[in-house]
Amino acid sequence: MGATFRRRSPDGRPALGALAAGCILALAITAQADPIARIGVTVIHAKKSPPFLHDKVQPLWDTLRKTFGDRFAHYDLMSVVEREVAKGGRVEVPMPDGGLFMVEYRGLSKDSRFLKLSIVHDDLKSRVRLHDGGLLFQAGKRWKGGVLIIGVRASTGSLSR
């Protein structure tokens, strides 16, 4: 980005006012950039029985119940990874089955209500828009008598909204 300074001091250098205006313009452009995103990925092993709910999965229970109904009764926590990333940044999570789950932050929607994400899990590649502070679940591969469920939460504020 170049700037043209029209006002100059007697010795030929840009006037202080023009320099200050240039700094203010640079700050305004920076302020309009996409904010840092906080992305959390929770990996859960779900199976039909025996009934079990890991303590750290408890805050997700209502959403799990709405999403999966009575399909599973056993929810064990495998891992939680939380990171702050800039636009274009990725959160990569090794899966218990040896695979890799990746979320890339692609910035905010035009109205700033949604975070745009790319999700890659083995052969699955998808782009999603998630409400700021929202949560989505992705049911993954079968594993050890159940299914790996991946929860993705993204926010420009705290993940615990």
Foldseek 3Di string as FASTA:
>chain_A
DDDDADDADPVGHHDPVSVVVVVVVVVVVVVPFFFKKKKKKWKKWWAADDADDDPVCVVVVVVCCVVPPNRTRHIHTDDMDIDIGGAQDKDWDQDPVRWIKMKGFHGADPVRQWTWIWIDTPPDIDIDTAGALGKDKDWADDDDRTTMIMMMTMHSDDNVD
